[in-house]
């Protein structure tokens, strides 16, 4: 009886191994909002709107399943065009509690866009297991991280650049 149980467990493991190997990775695109105007909760400038549109074009065919943004106008406006193109809602997260949004993202495999701020993006990348690199300058809006978390837990980070019309 014990041998049959062990054999059944080993057989189940052998059957599940290929499925686990083929499990979809979680790919998260992390970026800062586009160029912003002045004020307490500024909207995107014309250049920031162009950057958001370019982001939607750039990531429009990767199959985005989730879009997360803080509640500020500039992050919502950066996330909006891609969310609209992907047919998903922009989900708001609290930048003071980044662990909560990271847990949601990790629980749902597939491509995700995560929009933050110059002072939060590096921490978000780090919490995903990625390499954030140098701090983001106040005048830097083109950094786009691609953080891929494999089914086996391995993480790779690719630093891309988003392009905006001048």
C-alpha atoms as a PDB file:
ATOM      1  CA  UNK A   1       0.000   0.000   0.000  1.00  0.00           C
ATOM      2  CA  UNK A   2       2.786   2.412   0.930  1.00  0.00           C
ATOM      3  CA  UNK A   3       4.670   1.642  -2.291  1.00  0.00           C
ATOM      4  CA  UNK A   4       1.568   2.430  -4.342  1.00  0.00           C
ATOM      5  CA  UNK A   5       1.141   5.728  -2.545  1.00  0.00           C
ATOM      6  CA  UNK A   6       4.787   6.672  -3.156  1.00  0.00           C
ATOM      7  CA  UNK A   7       4.509   5.575  -6.779  1.00  0.00           C
ATOM      8  CA  UNK A   8       1.333   7.656  -7.195  1.00  0.00           C
ATOM      9  CA  UNK A   9       3.023  10.732  -5.690  1.00  0.00           C
ATOM     10  CA  UNK A  10       6.050  10.296  -7.953  1.00  0.00           C
ATOM     11  CA  UNK A  11       3.798   9.821 -10.985  1.00  0.00           C
ATOM     12  CA  UNK A  12       1.806  12.942 -10.116  1.00  0.00           C
ATOM     13  CA  UNK A  13       5.046  14.897  -9.742  1.00  0.00           C
ATOM     14  CA  UNK A  14       6.285  13.650 -13.094  1.00  0.00           C
ATOM     15  CA  UNK A  15       3.022  14.645 -14.757  1.00  0.00           C
ATOM     16  CA  UNK A  16       2.951  18.097 -13.146  1.00  0.00           C
ATOM     17  CA  UNK A  17       6.592  18.959 -13.859  1.00  0.00           C
ATOM     18  CA  UNK A  18       6.056  19.813 -17.540  1.00  0.00           C
ATOM     19  CA  UNK A  19       3.000  21.929 -16.695  1.00  0.00           C
ATOM     20  CA  UNK A  20       4.962  23.865 -14.102  1.00  0.00           C
ATOM     21  CA  UNK A  21       7.795  24.390 -16.560  1.00  0.00           C
ATOM     22  CA  UNK A  22       5.305  25.814 -19.061  1.00  0.00           C
ATOM     23  CA  UNK A  23       3.586  28.056 -16.489  1.00  0.00           C
ATOM     24  CA  UNK A  24       3.283  31.589 -17.726  1.00  0.00           C
ATOM     25  CA  UNK A  25       5.775  34.055 -16.299  1.00  0.00           C
ATOM     26  CA  UNK A  26       4.680  37.290 -14.698  1.00  0.00           C
ATOM     27  CA  UNK A  27       5.997  40.226 -16.709  1.00  0.00           C
ATOM     28  CA  UNK A  28       5.623  43.633 -15.121  1.00  0.00           C
ATOM     29  CA  UNK A  29       6.330  46.879 -16.948  1.00  0.00           C
ATOM     30  CA  UNK A  30       7.144  49.532 -14.363  1.00  0.00           C
ATOM     31  CA  UNK A  31       7.376  53.205 -15.275  1.00  0.00           C
ATOM     32  CA  UNK A  32       7.100  56.675 -13.896  1.00  0.00           C
ATOM     33  CA  UNK A  33       4.290  58.945 -15.037  1.00  0.00           C
ATOM     34  CA  UNK A  34       4.931  61.147 -18.068  1.00  0.00           C
ATOM     35  CA  UNK A  35       5.972  64.771 -18.027  1.00  0.00           C
ATOM     36  CA  UNK A  36       3.734  66.810 -15.745  1.00  0.00           C
ATOM     37  CA  UNK A  37       2.571  70.370 -15.347  1.00  0.00           C
ATOM     38  CA  UNK A  38       2.849  72.458 -12.193  1.00  0.00           C
ATOM     39  CA  UNK A  39       0.659  72.347  -9.103  1.00  0.00           C
ATOM     40  CA  UNK A  40      -0.399  70.045  -6.301  1.00  0.00           C
ATOM     41  CA  UNK A  41      -1.874  67.278  -8.489  1.00  0.00           C
ATOM     42  CA  UNK A  42      -0.813  68.256 -12.011  1.00  0.00           C
ATOM     43  CA  UNK A  43      -2.028  66.773 -15.258  1.00  0.00           C
ATOM     44  CA  UNK A  44       0.335  65.544 -17.944  1.00  0.00           C
ATOM     45  CA  UNK A  45       1.778  68.098 -20.305  1.00  0.00           C
ATOM     46  CA  UNK A  46       1.398  67.683 -24.057  1.00  0.00           C
ATOM     47  CA  UNK A  47       4.737  65.850 -24.042  1.00  0.00           C
ATOM     48  CA  UNK A  48       3.571  63.626 -21.165  1.00  0.00           C
ATOM     49  CA  UNK A  49       0.377  62.786 -23.062  1.00  0.00           C
ATOM     50  CA  UNK A  50       2.477  61.883 -26.104  1.00  0.00           C
ATOM     51  CA  UNK A  51       4.636  59.633 -23.904  1.00  0.00           C
ATOM     52  CA  UNK A  52       1.507  57.898 -22.529  1.00  0.00           C
ATOM     53  CA  UNK A  53       0.227  57.337 -26.086  1.00  0.00           C
ATOM     54  CA  UNK A  54       3.618  55.956 -27.138  1.00  0.00           C
ATOM     55  CA  UNK A  55       3.601  53.623 -24.114  1.00  0.00           C
ATOM     56  CA  UNK A  56       0.195  52.325 -25.218  1.00  0.00           C
ATOM     57  CA  UNK A  57       1.563  51.725 -28.714  1.00  0.00           C
ATOM     58  CA  UNK A  58       4.764  50.113 -27.416  1.00  0.00           C
ATOM     59  CA  UNK A  59       2.987  47.730 -25.017  1.00  0.00           C
ATOM     60  CA  UNK A  60      -0.298  47.441 -26.906  1.00  0.00           C
ATOM     61  CA  UNK A  61       0.447  43.993 -28.293  1.00  0.00           C
ATOM     62  CA  UNK A  62       2.003  42.305 -25.255  1.00  0.00           C
ATOM     63  CA  UNK A  63      -1.369  41.233 -23.867  1.00  0.00           C
ATOM     64  CA  UNK A  64      -1.558  43.490 -20.803  1.00  0.00           C
ATOM     65  CA  UNK A  65      -3.999  41.966 -18.304  1.00  0.00           C
ATOM     66  CA  UNK A  66      -3.683  44.398 -15.412  1.00  0.00           C
ATOM     67  CA  UNK A  67      -2.884  48.094 -15.073  1.00  0.00           C
ATOM     68  CA  UNK A  68      -2.057  49.677 -11.711  1.00  0.00           C
ATOM     69  CA  UNK A  69      -1.543  53.352 -10.949  1.00  0.00           C
ATOM     70  CA  UNK A  70      -1.504  55.648  -7.953  1.00  0.00           C
ATOM     71  CA  UNK A  71      -4.495  57.975  -7.593  1.00  0.00           C
ATOM     72  CA  UNK A  72      -2.745  61.091  -8.942  1.00  0.00           C
ATOM     73  CA  UNK A  73      -3.900  62.615 -12.237  1.00  0.00           C
ATOM     74  CA  UNK A  74      -0.475  62.253 -13.866  1.00  0.00           C
ATOM     75  CA  UNK A  75      -0.186  58.505 -13.155  1.00  0.00           C
ATOM     76  CA  UNK A  76      -3.813  57.846 -14.103  1.00  0.00           C
ATOM     77  CA  UNK A  77      -3.302  59.745 -17.382  1.00  0.00           C
ATOM     78  CA  UNK A  78      -0.111  57.792 -18.082  1.00  0.00           C
ATOM     79  CA  UNK A  79      -1.817  54.441 -17.463  1.00  0.00           C
ATOM     80  CA  UNK A  80      -5.117  55.308 -19.167  1.00  0.00           C
ATOM     81  CA  UNK A  81      -4.281  54.943 -22.868  1.00  0.00           C
ATOM     82  CA  UNK A  82      -2.791  51.442 -22.463  1.00  0.00           C
ATOM     83  CA  UNK A  83      -5.600  50.316 -20.148  1.00  0.00           C
ATOM     84  CA  UNK A  84      -8.132  51.517 -22.704  1.00  0.00           C
ATOM     85  CA  UNK A  85      -6.313  49.753 -25.529  1.00  0.00           C
ATOM     86  CA  UNK A  86      -6.090  46.533 -23.480  1.00  0.00           C
ATOM     87  CA  UNK A  87      -9.731  46.741 -22.399  1.00  0.00           C
ATOM     88  CA  UNK A  88      -8.954  46.719 -18.690  1.00  0.00           C
ATOM     89  CA  UNK A  89      -9.610  49.173 -15.875  1.00  0.00           C
ATOM     90  CA  UNK A  90      -6.852  51.131 -14.184  1.00  0.00           C
ATOM     91  CA  UNK A  91      -6.654  49.797 -10.636  1.00  0.00           C
ATOM     92  CA  UNK A  92      -5.486  52.267  -8.013  1.00  0.00           C
ATOM     93  CA  UNK A  93      -2.877  51.338  -5.412  1.00  0.00           C
ATOM     94  CA  UNK A  94      -1.492  53.107  -2.359  1.00  0.00           C
ATOM     95  CA  UNK A  95       2.161  54.094  -2.932  1.00  0.00           C
ATOM     96  CA  UNK A  96       2.670  54.095   0.853  1.00  0.00           C
ATOM     97  CA  UNK A  97       1.851  50.355   0.891  1.00  0.00           C
ATOM     98  CA  UNK A  98       3.694  48.974  -2.171  1.00  0.00           C
ATOM     99  CA  UNK A  99       3.804  45.420  -0.821  1.00  0.00           C
ATOM    100  CA  UNK A 100       0.030  45.120  -1.318  1.00  0.00           C
ATOM    101  CA  UNK A 101       0.107  45.876  -5.054  1.00  0.00           C
ATOM    102  CA  UNK A 102       3.166  43.656  -5.547  1.00  0.00           C
ATOM    103  CA  UNK A 103       1.329  40.750  -3.876  1.00  0.00           C
ATOM    104  CA  UNK A 104      -1.671  41.272  -6.213  1.00  0.00           C
ATOM    105  CA  UNK A 105       0.587  41.359  -9.264  1.00  0.00           C
ATOM    106  CA  UNK A 106       2.507  38.246  -8.269  1.00  0.00           C
ATOM    107  CA  UNK A 107      -0.762  36.375  -7.681  1.00  0.00           C
ATOM    108  CA  UNK A 108      -1.911  37.002 -11.267  1.00  0.00           C
ATOM    109  CA  UNK A 109       0.518  35.841 -13.969  1.00  0.00           C
ATOM    110  CA  UNK A 110       0.736  37.621 -17.273  1.00  0.00           C
ATOM    111  CA  UNK A 111       1.745  41.079 -18.455  1.00  0.00           C
ATOM    112  CA  UNK A 112       1.027  44.008 -16.132  1.00  0.00           C
ATOM    113  CA  UNK A 113       1.684  47.769 -16.264  1.00  0.00           C
ATOM    114  CA  UNK A 114       2.585  49.471 -12.972  1.00  0.00           C
ATOM    115  CA  UNK A 115       2.825  53.282 -12.988  1.00  0.00           C
ATOM    116  CA  UNK A 116       4.450  55.159 -10.127  1.00  0.00           C
ATOM    117  CA  UNK A 117       6.629  58.126  -9.305  1.00  0.00           C
ATOM    118  CA  UNK A 118      10.353  58.899  -9.414  1.00  0.00           C
ATOM    119  CA  UNK A 119      10.682  58.115  -5.709  1.00  0.00           C
ATOM    120  CA  UNK A 120       8.578  54.907  -5.787  1.00  0.00           C
ATOM    121  CA  UNK A 121       9.496  53.146  -9.042  1.00  0.00           C
ATOM    122  CA  UNK A 122      12.918  51.866  -7.870  1.00  0.00           C
ATOM    123  CA  UNK A 123      11.341  50.368  -4.730  1.00  0.00           C
ATOM    124  CA  UNK A 124       8.567  48.728  -6.788  1.00  0.00           C
ATOM    125  CA  UNK A 125      11.182  47.142  -9.075  1.00  0.00           C
ATOM    126  CA  UNK A 126      13.148  45.971  -6.038  1.00  0.00           C
ATOM    127  CA  UNK A 127      10.041  44.465  -4.393  1.00  0.00           C
ATOM    128  CA  UNK A 128       9.386  42.526  -7.605  1.00  0.00           C
ATOM    129  CA  UNK A 129      12.890  41.086  -7.252  1.00  0.00           C
ATOM    130  CA  UNK A 130      14.362  43.215 -10.034  1.00  0.00           C
ATOM    131  CA  UNK A 131      17.389  45.475 -10.257  1.00  0.00           C
ATOM    132  CA  UNK A 132      16.323  49.146 -10.091  1.00  0.00           C
ATOM    133  CA  UNK A 133      19.674  50.675 -10.985  1.00  0.00           C
ATOM    134  CA  UNK A 134      20.352  54.316 -10.194  1.00  0.00           C
ATOM    135  CA  UNK A 135      17.800  56.707  -8.649  1.00  0.00           C
ATOM    136  CA  UNK A 136      15.398  58.412 -11.069  1.00  0.00           C
ATOM    137  CA  UNK A 137      16.009  62.137 -11.523  1.00  0.00           C
ATOM    138  CA  UNK A 138      13.202  64.677 -11.202  1.00  0.00           C
ATOM    139  CA  UNK A 139      13.539  65.451 -14.909  1.00  0.00           C
ATOM    140  CA  UNK A 140      13.710  61.803 -16.070  1.00  0.00           C
ATOM    141  CA  UNK A 141      10.502  60.370 -17.543  1.00  0.00           C
ATOM    142  CA  UNK A 142      11.689  57.785 -20.087  1.00  0.00           C
ATOM    143  CA  UNK A 143      12.701  54.851 -17.897  1.00  0.00           C
ATOM    144  CA  UNK A 144      10.635  51.695 -18.490  1.00  0.00           C
ATOM    145  CA  UNK A 145      11.510  48.502 -16.621  1.00  0.00           C
ATOM    146  CA  UNK A 146      10.541  45.050 -17.822  1.00  0.00           C
ATOM    147  CA  UNK A 147      10.687  42.745 -14.802  1.00  0.00           C
ATOM    148  CA  UNK A 148       9.986  39.096 -15.607  1.00  0.00           C
ATOM    149  CA  UNK A 149       9.364  36.598 -12.827  1.00  0.00           C
ATOM    150  CA  UNK A 150       9.699  33.035 -14.093  1.00  0.00           C
ATOM    151  CA  UNK A 151       7.586  30.125 -12.891  1.00  0.00           C
ATOM    152  CA  UNK A 152      10.691  28.902 -11.068  1.00  0.00           C
ATOM    153  CA  UNK A 153      11.072  32.241  -9.247  1.00  0.00           C
ATOM    154  CA  UNK A 154      13.983  33.574 -11.278  1.00  0.00           C
ATOM    155  CA  UNK A 155      13.786  37.289 -12.029  1.00  0.00           C
ATOM    156  CA  UNK A 156      15.243  39.231 -14.934  1.00  0.00           C
ATOM    157  CA  UNK A 157      15.248  42.990 -15.381  1.00  0.00           C
ATOM    158  CA  UNK A 158      15.513  44.808 -18.688  1.00  0.00           C
ATOM    159  CA  UNK A 159      15.752  48.588 -18.683  1.00  0.00           C
ATOM    160  CA  UNK A 160      13.984  50.038 -21.716  1.00  0.00           C
ATOM    161  CA  UNK A 161      13.346  53.610 -22.802  1.00  0.00           C
ATOM    162  CA  UNK A 162       9.970  55.028 -23.673  1.00  0.00           C
ATOM    163  CA  UNK A 163       9.981  57.583 -26.466  1.00  0.00           C
ATOM    164  CA  UNK A 164       7.826  60.696 -26.539  1.00  0.00           C
ATOM    165  CA  UNK A 165       7.176  63.143 -29.343  1.00  0.00           C
ATOM    166  CA  UNK A 166       8.916  66.473 -28.918  1.00  0.00           C
END
